[in-house]
Amino acid sequence: MTTFVPKEVQAGLDSARMQSLKSGSRLRLSADGKFHPVLRMWATGFSLDAADAPTLRGFIDLYDGALHLFQCLIVASEEDAGEMKYEFKRMTAVSNTAPLDFEQAADAPVALIEVRN
């Protein structure tokens, strides 16, 4: 049995795989005021479509739809099978509140209720 696949069939399979990755992901990144759809994301990086992927380096913002998830420091690593892969140097989760600079007790009162006589 051979594993030979004609070039036309392989091109069709690659095109279908890329279309599936594009439609299946809601992730996108913002860099220099432009948004780019993210095809895949893993613990140490992510990938973009190589056809329209810029050579990014530096700070970016990752979004899931309109939800801001991470601020990242990245570097381009390699191109493989139509995907441009990027690696995280730093990935910080975005928070809606400012970080506390003190320890907050679990049983701390939520509010102060004043009793009047």
PDB file of N, CA and C in Angstrom:
ATOM      1  N   MET A   1       0.845  -1.173   0.000  1.00  0.00           N
ATOM      2  CA  MET A   1       0.000   0.000   0.000  1.00  0.00           C
ATOM      3  C   MET A   1       0.891   1.238   0.000  1.00  0.00           C
ATOM      4  N   THR A   2       0.534   2.195  -0.827  1.00  0.00           N
ATOM      5  CA  THR A   2       1.316   3.427  -0.900  1.00  0.00           C
ATOM      6  C   THR A   2       0.564   4.570  -0.246  1.00  0.00           C
ATOM      7  N   THR A   3       1.302   5.574   0.165  1.00  0.00           N
ATOM      8  CA  THR A   3       0.698   6.749   0.785  1.00  0.00           C
ATOM      9  C   THR A   3       0.827   7.966  -0.122  1.00  0.00           C
ATOM     10  N   PHE A   4       0.956   7.722  -1.409  1.00  0.00           N
ATOM     11  CA  PHE A   4       1.081   8.812  -2.368  1.00  0.00           C
ATOM     12  C   PHE A   4      -0.269   9.492  -2.560  1.00  0.00           C
ATOM     13  N   VAL A   5      -0.264  10.815  -2.449  1.00  0.00           N
ATOM     14  CA  VAL A   5      -1.463  11.616  -2.667  1.00  0.00           C
ATOM     15  C   VAL A   5      -1.139  12.628  -3.754  1.00  0.00           C
ATOM     16  N   PRO A   6      -1.968  12.700  -4.795  1.00  0.00           N
ATOM     17  CA  PRO A   6      -1.704  13.685  -5.849  1.00  0.00           C
ATOM     18  C   PRO A   6      -1.678  15.110  -5.293  1.00  0.00           C
ATOM     19  N   LYS A   7      -0.938  15.988  -5.972  1.00  0.00           N
ATOM     20  CA  LYS A   7      -0.779  17.364  -5.510  1.00  0.00           C
ATOM     21  C   LYS A   7      -2.119  18.091  -5.392  1.00  0.00           C
ATOM     22  N   GLU A   8      -3.029  17.850  -6.321  1.00  0.00           N
ATOM     23  CA  GLU A   8      -4.331  18.519  -6.297  1.00  0.00           C
ATOM     24  C   GLU A   8      -5.137  18.093  -5.071  1.00  0.00           C
ATOM     25  N   VAL A   9      -5.086  16.820  -4.748  1.00  0.00           N
ATOM     26  CA  VAL A   9      -5.814  16.312  -3.581  1.00  0.00           C
ATOM     27  C   VAL A   9      -5.195  16.869  -2.300  1.00  0.00           C
ATOM     28  N   GLN A  10      -3.859  16.895  -2.222  1.00  0.00           N
ATOM     29  CA  GLN A  10      -3.179  17.442  -1.045  1.00  0.00           C
ATOM     30  C   GLN A  10      -3.500  18.921  -0.874  1.00  0.00           C
ATOM     31  N   ALA A  11      -3.535  19.670  -1.977  1.00  0.00           N
ATOM     32  CA  ALA A  11      -3.871  21.098  -1.905  1.00  0.00           C
ATOM     33  C   ALA A  11      -5.306  21.278  -1.403  1.00  0.00           C
ATOM     34  N   GLY A  12      -6.216  20.429  -1.865  1.00  0.00           N
ATOM     35  CA  GLY A  12      -7.600  20.494  -1.395  1.00  0.00           C
ATOM     36  C   GLY A  12      -7.716  20.172   0.083  1.00  0.00           C
ATOM     37  N   LEU A  13      -6.972  19.165   0.544  1.00  0.00           N
ATOM     38  CA  LEU A  13      -6.983  18.808   1.964  1.00  0.00           C
ATOM     39  C   LEU A  13      -6.413  19.940   2.821  1.00  0.00           C
ATOM     40  N   ASP A  14      -5.317  20.554   2.364  1.00  0.00           N
ATOM     41  CA  ASP A  14      -4.724  21.672   3.101  1.00  0.00           C
ATOM     42  C   ASP A  14      -5.675  22.858   3.158  1.00  0.00           C
ATOM     43  N   SER A  15      -6.344  23.142   2.045  1.00  0.00           N
ATOM     44  CA  SER A  15      -7.304  24.247   2.007  1.00  0.00           C
ATOM     45  C   SER A  15      -8.474  23.996   2.962  1.00  0.00           C
ATOM     46  N   ALA A  16      -8.980  22.778   2.986  1.00  0.00           N
ATOM     47  CA  ALA A  16     -10.083  22.433   3.890  1.00  0.00           C
ATOM     48  C   ALA A  16      -9.653  22.521   5.346  1.00  0.00           C
ATOM     49  N   ARG A  17      -8.422  22.108   5.647  1.00  0.00           N
ATOM     50  CA  ARG A  17      -7.912  22.185   7.020  1.00  0.00           C
ATOM     51  C   ARG A  17      -7.795  23.638   7.477  1.00  0.00           C
ATOM     52  N   MET A  18      -7.264  24.499   6.605  1.00  0.00           N
ATOM     53  CA  MET A  18      -7.130  25.913   6.955  1.00  0.00           C
ATOM     54  C   MET A  18      -8.499  26.570   7.139  1.00  0.00           C
ATOM     55  N   GLN A  19      -9.461  26.226   6.278  1.00  0.00           N
ATOM     56  CA  GLN A  19     -10.804  26.792   6.396  1.00  0.00           C
ATOM     57  C   GLN A  19     -11.456  26.342   7.704  1.00  0.00           C
ATOM     58  N   SER A  20     -11.232  25.101   8.089  1.00  0.00           N
ATOM     59  CA  SER A  20     -11.772  24.581   9.346  1.00  0.00           C
ATOM     60  C   SER A  20     -11.161  25.306  10.539  1.00  0.00           C
ATOM     61  N   LEU A  21      -9.858  25.551  10.513  1.00  0.00           N
ATOM     62  CA  LEU A  21      -9.200  26.270  11.601  1.00  0.00           C
ATOM     63  C   LEU A  21      -9.692  27.711  11.694  1.00  0.00           C
ATOM     64  N   LYS A  22      -9.886  28.361  10.543  1.00  0.00           N
ATOM     65  CA  LYS A  22     -10.342  29.754  10.542  1.00  0.00           C
ATOM     66  C   LYS A  22     -11.750  29.887  11.096  1.00  0.00           C
ATOM     67  N   SER A  23     -12.635  28.991  10.713  1.00  0.00           N
ATOM     68  CA  SER A  23     -14.028  29.118  11.146  1.00  0.00           C
ATOM     69  C   SER A  23     -14.247  28.594  12.562  1.00  0.00           C
ATOM     70  N   GLY A  24     -13.351  27.783  13.071  1.00  0.00           N
ATOM     71  CA  GLY A  24     -13.531  27.183  14.385  1.00  0.00           C
ATOM     72  C   GLY A  24     -13.009  28.003  15.547  1.00  0.00           C
ATOM     73  N   SER A  25     -12.273  29.052  15.293  1.00  0.00           N
ATOM     74  CA  SER A  25     -11.653  29.816  16.367  1.00  0.00           C
ATOM     75  C   SER A  25     -12.215  31.227  16.431  1.00  0.00           C
ATOM     76  N   ARG A  26     -12.521  31.676  17.656  1.00  0.00           N
ATOM     77  CA  ARG A  26     -12.971  33.050  17.868  1.00  0.00           C
ATOM     78  C   ARG A  26     -11.818  33.943  18.301  1.00  0.00           C
ATOM     79  N   LEU A  27     -10.649  33.361  18.544  1.00  0.00           N
ATOM     80  CA  LEU A  27      -9.507  34.134  19.019  1.00  0.00           C
ATOM     81  C   LEU A  27      -8.972  35.055  17.929  1.00  0.00           C
ATOM     82  N   ARG A  28      -8.536  36.232  18.355  1.00  0.00           N
ATOM     83  CA  ARG A  28      -7.898  37.179  17.450  1.00  0.00           C
ATOM     84  C   ARG A  28      -6.884  37.979  18.236  1.00  0.00           C
ATOM     85  N   LEU A  29      -5.933  38.547  17.538  1.00  0.00           N
ATOM     86  CA  LEU A  29      -4.935  39.361  18.217  1.00  0.00           C
ATOM     87  C   LEU A  29      -4.927  40.756  17.646  1.00  0.00           C
ATOM     88  N   SER A  30      -4.541  41.692  18.475  1.00  0.00           N
ATOM     89  CA  SER A  30      -4.445  43.090  18.078  1.00  0.00           C
ATOM     90  C   SER A  30      -2.984  43.506  18.185  1.00  0.00           C
ATOM     91  N   ALA A  31      -2.466  43.993  17.063  1.00  0.00           N
ATOM     92  CA  ALA A  31      -1.088  44.488  17.031  1.00  0.00           C
ATOM     93  C   ALA A  31      -1.040  45.678  16.091  1.00  0.00           C
ATOM     94  N   ASP A  32      -0.514  46.781  16.561  1.00  0.00           N
ATOM     95  CA  ASP A  32      -0.388  48.009  15.766  1.00  0.00           C
ATOM     96  C   ASP A  32      -1.739  48.480  15.231  1.00  0.00           C
ATOM     97  N   GLY A  33      -2.804  48.293  16.011  1.00  0.00           N
ATOM     98  CA  GLY A  33      -4.126  48.755  15.609  1.00  0.00           C
ATOM     99  C   GLY A  33      -4.835  47.866  14.605  1.00  0.00           C
ATOM    100  N   LYS A  34      -4.269  46.718  14.272  1.00  0.00           N
ATOM    101  CA  LYS A  34      -4.876  45.790  13.310  1.00  0.00           C
ATOM    102  C   LYS A  34      -5.209  44.486  14.020  1.00  0.00           C
ATOM    103  N   PHE A  35      -6.279  43.836  13.581  1.00  0.00           N
ATOM    104  CA  PHE A  35      -6.677  42.550  14.146  1.00  0.00           C
ATOM    105  C   PHE A  35      -6.378  41.432  13.164  1.00  0.00           C
ATOM    106  N   HIS A  36      -5.900  40.303  13.701  1.00  0.00           N
ATOM    107  CA  HIS A  36      -5.580  39.121  12.906  1.00  0.00           C
ATOM    108  C   HIS A  36      -6.224  37.910  13.574  1.00  0.00           C
ATOM    109  N   PRO A  37      -6.910  37.043  12.810  1.00  0.00           N
ATOM    110  CA  PRO A  37      -7.518  35.855  13.416  1.00  0.00           C
ATOM    111  C   PRO A  37      -6.459  34.825  13.806  1.00  0.00           C
ATOM    112  N   VAL A  38      -6.621  34.249  14.988  1.00  0.00           N
ATOM    113  CA  VAL A  38      -5.711  33.215  15.486  1.00  0.00           C
ATOM    114  C   VAL A  38      -6.281  31.856  15.091  1.00  0.00           C
ATOM    115  N   LEU A  39      -5.467  31.027  14.455  1.00  0.00           N
ATOM    116  CA  LEU A  39      -5.932  29.703  14.045  1.00  0.00           C
ATOM    117  C   LEU A  39      -5.946  28.727  15.214  1.00  0.00           C
ATOM    118  N   ARG A  40      -4.821  28.636  15.905  1.00  0.00           N
ATOM    119  CA  ARG A  40      -4.695  27.715  17.041  1.00  0.00           C
ATOM    120  C   ARG A  40      -3.920  28.404  18.144  1.00  0.00           C
ATOM    121  N   MET A  41      -4.171  27.952  19.386  1.00  0.00           N
ATOM    122  CA  MET A  41      -3.410  28.463  20.529  1.00  0.00           C
ATOM    123  C   MET A  41      -3.092  27.291  21.441  1.00  0.00           C
ATOM    124  N   TRP A  42      -1.882  27.248  21.959  1.00  0.00           N
ATOM    125  CA  TRP A  42      -1.469  26.224  22.910  1.00  0.00           C
ATOM    126  C   TRP A  42      -0.762  26.919  24.071  1.00  0.00           C
ATOM    127  N   ALA A  43      -0.267  26.179  25.023  1.00  0.00           N
ATOM    128  CA  ALA A  43       0.276  26.760  26.258  1.00  0.00           C
ATOM    129  C   ALA A  43       1.459  27.689  26.016  1.00  0.00           C
ATOM    130  N   THR A  44       2.277  27.423  25.022  1.00  0.00           N
ATOM    131  CA  THR A  44       3.485  28.222  24.817  1.00  0.00           C
ATOM    132  C   THR A  44       3.439  29.105  23.579  1.00  0.00           C
ATOM    133  N   GLY A  45       2.306  29.131  22.862  1.00  0.00           N
ATOM    134  CA  GLY A  45       2.241  29.956  21.671  1.00  0.00           C
ATOM    135  C   GLY A  45       0.924  29.860  20.930  1.00  0.00           C
ATOM    136  N   PHE A  46       0.935  30.349  19.692  1.00  0.00           N
ATOM    137  CA  PHE A  46      -0.252  30.339  18.847  1.00  0.00           C
ATOM    138  C   PHE A  46       0.190  30.403  17.395  1.00  0.00           C
ATOM    139  N   SER A  47      -0.767  30.272  16.473  1.00  0.00           N
ATOM    140  CA  SER A  47      -0.436  30.342  15.058  1.00  0.00           C
ATOM    141  C   SER A  47      -1.449  31.184  14.303  1.00  0.00           C
ATOM    142  N   LEU A  48      -0.962  31.806  13.220  1.00  0.00           N
ATOM    143  CA  LEU A  48      -1.775  32.595  12.300  1.00  0.00           C
ATOM    144  C   LEU A  48      -1.629  32.003  10.912  1.00  0.00           C
ATOM    145  N   ASP A  49      -2.529  32.370  10.010  1.00  0.00           N
ATOM    146  CA  ASP A  49      -2.430  31.952   8.617  1.00  0.00           C
ATOM    147  C   ASP A  49      -1.189  32.601   8.015  1.00  0.00           C
ATOM    148  N   ALA A  50      -0.317  31.795   7.429  1.00  0.00           N
ATOM    149  CA  ALA A  50       0.958  32.305   6.904  1.00  0.00           C
ATOM    150  C   ALA A  50       0.760  33.230   5.709  1.00  0.00           C
ATOM    151  N   ALA A  51      -0.354  33.092   4.999  1.00  0.00           N
ATOM    152  CA  ALA A  51      -0.584  33.911   3.807  1.00  0.00           C
ATOM    153  C   ALA A  51      -0.712  35.395   4.154  1.00  0.00           C
ATOM    154  N   ASP A  52      -1.334  35.712   5.278  1.00  0.00           N
ATOM    155  CA  ASP A  52      -1.506  37.123   5.639  1.00  0.00           C
ATOM    156  C   ASP A  52      -0.949  37.455   7.017  1.00  0.00           C
ATOM    157  N   ALA A  53      -0.035  36.630   7.517  1.00  0.00           N
ATOM    158  CA  ALA A  53       0.537  36.857   8.850  1.00  0.00           C
ATOM    159  C   ALA A  53       1.738  37.795   8.760  1.00  0.00           C
ATOM    160  N   PRO A  54       1.710  38.858   9.546  1.00  0.00           N
ATOM    161  CA  PRO A  54       2.893  39.727   9.592  1.00  0.00           C
ATOM    162  C   PRO A  54       3.972  39.092  10.465  1.00  0.00           C
ATOM    163  N   THR A  55       5.184  39.556  10.337  1.00  0.00           N
ATOM    164  CA  THR A  55       6.251  39.078  11.223  1.00  0.00           C
ATOM    165  C   THR A  55       6.184  39.908  12.496  1.00  0.00           C
ATOM    166  N   LEU A  56       5.408  39.432  13.431  1.00  0.00           N
ATOM    167  CA  LEU A  56       5.186  40.157  14.682  1.00  0.00           C
ATOM    168  C   LEU A  56       6.294  39.883  15.673  1.00  0.00           C
ATOM    169  N   ARG A  57       6.560  40.890  16.475  1.00  0.00           N
ATOM    170  CA  ARG A  57       7.512  40.771  17.573  1.00  0.00           C
ATOM    171  C   ARG A  57       7.188  41.891  18.543  1.00  0.00           C
ATOM    172  N   GLY A  58       7.046  41.555  19.812  1.00  0.00           N
ATOM    173  CA  GLY A  58       6.749  42.576  20.805  1.00  0.00           C
ATOM    174  C   GLY A  58       5.419  42.328  21.487  1.00  0.00           C
ATOM    175  N   PHE A  59       4.769  43.417  21.907  1.00  0.00           N
ATOM    176  CA  PHE A  59       3.532  43.314  22.675  1.00  0.00           C
ATOM    177  C   PHE A  59       2.318  43.203  21.765  1.00  0.00           C
ATOM    178  N   ILE A  60       1.414  42.297  22.129  1.00  0.00           N
ATOM    179  CA  ILE A  60       0.130  42.144  21.447  1.00  0.00           C
ATOM    180  C   ILE A  60      -0.948  41.945  22.502  1.00  0.00           C
ATOM    181  N   ASP A  61      -2.199  42.058  22.091  1.00  0.00           N
ATOM    182  CA  ASP A  61      -3.342  41.773  22.944  1.00  0.00           C
ATOM    183  C   ASP A  61      -4.125  40.644  22.308  1.00  0.00           C
ATOM    184  N   LEU A  62      -4.496  39.627  23.106  1.00  0.00           N
ATOM    185  CA  LEU A  62      -5.289  38.499  22.625  1.00  0.00           C
ATOM    186  C   LEU A  62      -6.728  38.657  23.089  1.00  0.00           C
ATOM    187  N   TYR A  63      -7.675  38.441  22.172  1.00  0.00           N
ATOM    188  CA  TYR A  63      -9.096  38.573  22.446  1.00  0.00           C
ATOM    189  C   TYR A  63      -9.829  37.290  22.088  1.00  0.00           C
ATOM    190  N   ASP A  64     -10.894  37.008  22.826  1.00  0.00           N
ATOM    191  CA  ASP A  64     -11.851  35.966  22.466  1.00  0.00           C
ATOM    192  C   ASP A  64     -13.136  36.703  22.130  1.00  0.00           C
ATOM    193  N   GLY A  65     -13.372  36.949  20.853  1.00  0.00           N
ATOM    194  CA  GLY A  65     -14.470  37.821  20.454  1.00  0.00           C
ATOM    195  C   GLY A  65     -14.153  39.235  20.895  1.00  0.00           C
ATOM    196  N   ALA A  66     -14.990  39.792  21.782  1.00  0.00           N
ATOM    197  CA  ALA A  66     -14.740  41.136  22.305  1.00  0.00           C
ATOM    198  C   ALA A  66     -14.097  41.111  23.688  1.00  0.00           C
ATOM    199  N   LEU A  67     -13.936  39.934  24.265  1.00  0.00           N
ATOM    200  CA  LEU A  67     -13.372  39.791  25.610  1.00  0.00           C
ATOM    201  C   LEU A  67     -11.847  39.802  25.557  1.00  0.00           C
ATOM    202  N   HIS A  68     -11.241  40.772  26.231  1.00  0.00           N
ATOM    203  CA  HIS A  68      -9.785  40.904  26.282  1.00  0.00           C
ATOM    204  C   HIS A  68      -9.244  39.863  27.262  1.00  0.00           C
ATOM    205  N   LEU A  69      -8.438  38.904  26.772  1.00  0.00           N
ATOM    206  CA  LEU A  69      -7.939  37.814  27.603  1.00  0.00           C
ATOM    207  C   LEU A  69      -6.538  38.055  28.150  1.00  0.00           C
ATOM    208  N   PHE A  70      -5.576  38.328  27.268  1.00  0.00           N
ATOM    209  CA  PHE A  70      -4.167  38.391  27.660  1.00  0.00           C
ATOM    210  C   PHE A  70      -3.446  39.552  26.997  1.00  0.00           C
ATOM    211  N   GLN A  71      -2.417  40.041  27.683  1.00  0.00           N
ATOM    212  CA  GLN A  71      -1.418  40.914  27.093  1.00  0.00           C
ATOM    213  C   GLN A  71      -0.160  40.065  27.009  1.00  0.00           C
ATOM    214  N   CYS A  72       0.432  40.002  25.828  1.00  0.00           N
ATOM    215  CA  CYS A  72       1.533  39.067  25.606  1.00  0.00           C
ATOM    216  C   CYS A  72       2.742  39.747  24.982  1.00  0.00           C
ATOM    217  N   LEU A  73       3.888  39.193  25.288  1.00  0.00           N
ATOM    218  CA  LEU A  73       5.135  39.543  24.626  1.00  0.00           C
ATOM    219  C   LEU A  73       5.489  38.325  23.788  1.00  0.00           C
ATOM    220  N   ILE A  74       5.628  38.508  22.469  1.00  0.00           N
ATOM    221  CA  ILE A  74       5.807  37.350  21.580  1.00  0.00           C
ATOM    222  C   ILE A  74       7.008  37.541  20.668  1.00  0.00           C
ATOM    223  N   VAL A  75       7.371  36.430  20.028  1.00  0.00           N
ATOM    224  CA  VAL A  75       8.390  36.433  18.987  1.00  0.00           C
ATOM    225  C   VAL A  75       7.977  35.381  17.954  1.00  0.00           C
ATOM    226  N   ALA A  76       8.168  35.685  16.656  1.00  0.00           N
ATOM    227  CA  ALA A  76       7.854  34.732  15.588  1.00  0.00           C
ATOM    228  C   ALA A  76       8.850  33.588  15.641  1.00  0.00           C
ATOM    229  N   SER A  77       8.344  32.352  15.503  1.00  0.00           N
ATOM    230  CA  SER A  77       9.266  31.228  15.624  1.00  0.00           C
ATOM    231  C   SER A  77       9.491  30.499  14.303  1.00  0.00           C
ATOM    232  N   GLU A  78       8.423  30.043  13.619  1.00  0.00           N
ATOM    233  CA  GLU A  78       8.628  29.289  12.378  1.00  0.00           C
ATOM    234  C   GLU A  78       7.349  29.249  11.559  1.00  0.00           C
ATOM    235  N   GLU A  79       7.512  28.898  10.275  1.00  0.00           N
ATOM    236  CA  GLU A  79       6.373  28.681   9.399  1.00  0.00           C
ATOM    237  C   GLU A  79       6.288  27.184   9.116  1.00  0.00           C
ATOM    238  N   ASP A  80       5.080  26.625   9.258  1.00  0.00           N
ATOM    239  CA  ASP A  80       4.913  25.188   9.072  1.00  0.00           C
ATOM    240  C   ASP A  80       3.521  24.905   8.534  1.00  0.00           C
ATOM    241  N   ALA A  81       3.434  24.263   7.383  1.00  0.00           N
ATOM    242  CA  ALA A  81       2.176  23.807   6.780  1.00  0.00           C
ATOM    243  C   ALA A  81       1.158  24.932   6.644  1.00  0.00           C
ATOM    244  N   GLY A  82       1.592  26.086   6.179  1.00  0.00           N
ATOM    245  CA  GLY A  82       0.678  27.201   5.959  1.00  0.00           C
ATOM    246  C   GLY A  82       0.343  28.009   7.196  1.00  0.00           C
ATOM    247  N   GLU A  83       0.982  27.702   8.308  1.00  0.00           N
ATOM    248  CA  GLU A  83       0.751  28.439   9.554  1.00  0.00           C
ATOM    249  C   GLU A  83       2.043  29.103  10.001  1.00  0.00           C
ATOM    250  N   MET A  84       1.935  30.345  10.434  1.00  0.00           N
ATOM    251  CA  MET A  84       3.070  31.051  11.038  1.00  0.00           C
ATOM    252  C   MET A  84       2.932  30.895  12.540  1.00  0.00           C
ATOM    253  N   LYS A  85       3.927  30.309  13.180  1.00  0.00           N
ATOM    254  CA  LYS A  85       3.863  30.040  14.615  1.00  0.00           C
ATOM    255  C   LYS A  85       4.622  31.110  15.394  1.00  0.00           C
ATOM    256  N   TYR A  86       4.053  31.489  16.527  1.00  0.00           N
ATOM    257  CA  TYR A  86       4.632  32.482  17.420  1.00  0.00           C
ATOM    258  C   TYR A  86       4.742  31.887  18.818  1.00  0.00           C
ATOM    259  N   GLU A  87       5.775  32.267  19.539  1.00  0.00           N
ATOM    260  CA  GLU A  87       5.990  31.779  20.899  1.00  0.00           C
ATOM    261  C   GLU A  87       5.808  32.918  21.896  1.00  0.00           C
ATOM    262  N   PHE A  88       5.241  32.592  23.061  1.00  0.00           N
ATOM    263  CA  PHE A  88       5.074  33.569  24.124  1.00  0.00           C
ATOM    264  C   PHE A  88       6.374  33.705  24.907  1.00  0.00           C
ATOM    265  N   LYS A  89       6.790  34.921  25.160  1.00  0.00           N
ATOM    266  CA  LYS A  89       7.868  35.180  26.113  1.00  0.00           C
ATOM    267  C   LYS A  89       7.249  35.508  27.462  1.00  0.00           C
ATOM    268  N   ARG A  90       6.083  36.173  27.391  1.00  0.00           N
ATOM    269  CA  ARG A  90       5.333  36.520  28.599  1.00  0.00           C
ATOM    270  C   ARG A  90       3.865  36.571  28.214  1.00  0.00           C
ATOM    271  N   MET A  91       3.000  36.063  29.111  1.00  0.00           N
ATOM    272  CA  MET A  91       1.566  36.088  28.875  1.00  0.00           C
ATOM    273  C   MET A  91       0.883  36.442  30.192  1.00  0.00           C
ATOM    274  N   THR A  92       0.258  37.621  30.254  1.00  0.00           N
ATOM    275  CA  THR A  92      -0.369  38.112  31.474  1.00  0.00           C
ATOM    276  C   THR A  92      -1.869  38.211  31.271  1.00  0.00           C
ATOM    277  N   ALA A  93      -2.627  37.588  32.165  1.00  0.00           N
ATOM    278  CA  ALA A  93      -4.082  37.658  32.094  1.00  0.00           C
ATOM    279  C   ALA A  93      -4.550  39.069  32.417  1.00  0.00           C
ATOM    280  N   VAL A  94      -5.564  39.518  31.704  1.00  0.00           N
ATOM    281  CA  VAL A  94      -6.119  40.855  31.918  1.00  0.00           C
ATOM    282  C   VAL A  94      -7.197  40.758  32.985  1.00  0.00           C
ATOM    283  N   SER A  95      -7.206  41.730  33.893  1.00  0.00           N
ATOM    284  CA  SER A  95      -8.175  41.757  34.988  1.00  0.00           C
ATOM    285  C   SER A  95      -8.987  43.037  34.921  1.00  0.00           C
ATOM    286  N   ASN A  96     -10.231  42.968  35.396  1.00  0.00           N
ATOM    287  CA  ASN A  96     -11.097  44.149  35.409  1.00  0.00           C
ATOM    288  C   ASN A  96     -10.861  45.036  36.623  1.00  0.00           C
ATOM    289  N   THR A  97     -10.143  44.516  37.620  1.00  0.00           N
ATOM    290  CA  THR A  97      -9.895  45.272  38.838  1.00  0.00           C
ATOM    291  C   THR A  97      -8.397  45.446  39.041  1.00  0.00           C
ATOM    292  N   ALA A  98      -8.058  46.450  39.805  1.00  0.00           N
ATOM    293  CA  ALA A  98      -6.647  46.681  40.114  1.00  0.00           C
ATOM    294  C   ALA A  98      -6.170  45.634  41.119  1.00  0.00           C
ATOM    295  N   PRO A  99      -4.920  45.215  41.045  1.00  0.00           N
ATOM    296  CA  PRO A  99      -4.423  44.239  42.004  1.00  0.00           C
ATOM    297  C   PRO A  99      -4.323  44.836  43.406  1.00  0.00           C
ATOM    298  N   LEU A 100      -4.561  44.016  44.418  1.00  0.00           N
ATOM    299  CA  LEU A 100      -4.451  44.463  45.809  1.00  0.00           C
ATOM    300  C   LEU A 100      -3.001  44.417  46.258  1.00  0.00           C
ATOM    301  N   ASP A 101      -2.605  45.342  47.087  1.00  0.00           N
ATOM    302  CA  ASP A 101      -1.240  45.342  47.604  1.00  0.00           C
ATOM    303  C   ASP A 101      -1.216  44.910  49.072  1.00  0.00           C
ATOM    304  N   PHE A 102      -2.282  44.201  49.495  1.00  0.00           N
ATOM    305  CA  PHE A 102      -2.347  43.683  50.858  1.00  0.00           C
ATOM    306  C   PHE A 102      -3.159  42.398  50.830  1.00  0.00           C
ATOM    307  N   GLU A 103      -3.002  41.605  51.887  1.00  0.00           N
ATOM    308  CA  GLU A 103      -3.752  40.358  51.984  1.00  0.00           C
ATOM    309  C   GLU A 103      -5.141  40.648  52.523  1.00  0.00           C
ATOM    310  N   GLN A 104      -6.136  40.095  51.854  1.00  0.00           N
ATOM    311  CA  GLN A 104      -7.504  40.300  52.285  1.00  0.00           C
ATOM    312  C   GLN A 104      -7.989  39.001  52.946  1.00  0.00           C
ATOM    313  N   ALA A 105      -8.418  39.102  54.205  1.00  0.00           N
ATOM    314  CA  ALA A 105      -8.870  37.921  54.947  1.00  0.00           C
ATOM    315  C   ALA A 105     -10.155  37.373  54.336  1.00  0.00           C
ATOM    316  N   ALA A 106     -10.300  36.064  54.380  1.00  0.00           N
ATOM    317  CA  ALA A 106     -11.482  35.421  53.815  1.00  0.00           C
ATOM    318  C   ALA A 106     -12.743  35.789  54.592  1.00  0.00           C
ATOM    319  N   ASP A 107     -12.618  36.021  55.908  1.00  0.00           N
ATOM    320  CA  ASP A 107     -13.786  36.348  56.723  1.00  0.00           C
ATOM    321  C   ASP A 107     -13.903  37.852  57.000  1.00  0.00           C
ATOM    322  N   ALA A 108     -13.308  38.681  56.181  1.00  0.00           N
ATOM    323  CA  ALA A 108     -13.372  40.135  56.361  1.00  0.00           C
ATOM    324  C   ALA A 108     -14.786  40.637  56.090  1.00  0.00           C
ATOM    325  N   PRO A 109     -15.233  41.644  56.835  1.00  0.00           N
ATOM    326  CA  PRO A 109     -16.584  42.176  56.599  1.00  0.00           C
ATOM    327  C   PRO A 109     -16.669  42.854  55.230  1.00  0.00           C
ATOM    328  N   VAL A 110     -17.836  42.761  54.638  1.00  0.00           N
ATOM    329  CA  VAL A 110     -18.050  43.343  53.326  1.00  0.00           C
ATOM    330  C   VAL A 110     -18.314  44.842  53.440  1.00  0.00           C
ATOM    331  N   ALA A 111     -19.033  45.226  54.510  1.00  0.00           N
ATOM    332  CA  ALA A 111     -19.354  46.641  54.717  1.00  0.00           C
ATOM    333  C   ALA A 111     -19.435  46.920  56.199  1.00  0.00           C
ATOM    334  N   LEU A 112     -19.411  48.180  56.568  1.00  0.00           N
ATOM    335  CA  LEU A 112     -19.534  48.586  57.949  1.00  0.00           C
ATOM    336  C   LEU A 112     -20.967  49.072  58.175  1.00  0.00           C
ATOM    337  N   ILE A 113     -21.640  48.428  59.130  1.00  0.00           N
ATOM    338  CA  ILE A 113     -23.015  48.820  59.457  1.00  0.00           C
ATOM    339  C   ILE A 113     -22.952  49.583  60.771  1.00  0.00           C
ATOM    340  N   GLU A 114     -23.440  50.805  60.726  1.00  0.00           N
ATOM    341  CA  GLU A 114     -23.407  51.669  61.894  1.00  0.00           C
ATOM    342  C   GLU A 114     -24.743  51.562  62.645  1.00  0.00           C
ATOM    343  N   VAL A 115     -24.695  51.350  63.957  1.00  0.00           N
ATOM    344  CA  VAL A 115     -25.903  51.240  64.770  1.00  0.00           C
ATOM    345  C   VAL A 115     -26.116  52.571  65.487  1.00  0.00           C
ATOM    346  N   ARG A 116     -27.317  53.156  65.340  1.00  0.00           N
ATOM    347  CA  ARG A 116     -27.634  54.430  65.999  1.00  0.00           C
ATOM    348  C   ARG A 116     -28.593  54.196  67.145  1.00  0.00           C
ATOM    349  N   ASN A 117     -28.410  54.936  68.218  1.00  0.00           N
ATOM    350  CA  ASN A 117     -29.286  54.809  69.404  1.00  0.00           C
ATOM    351  C   ASN A 117     -30.432  55.762  69.361  1.00  0.00           C
TER     352      ASN A 117
END
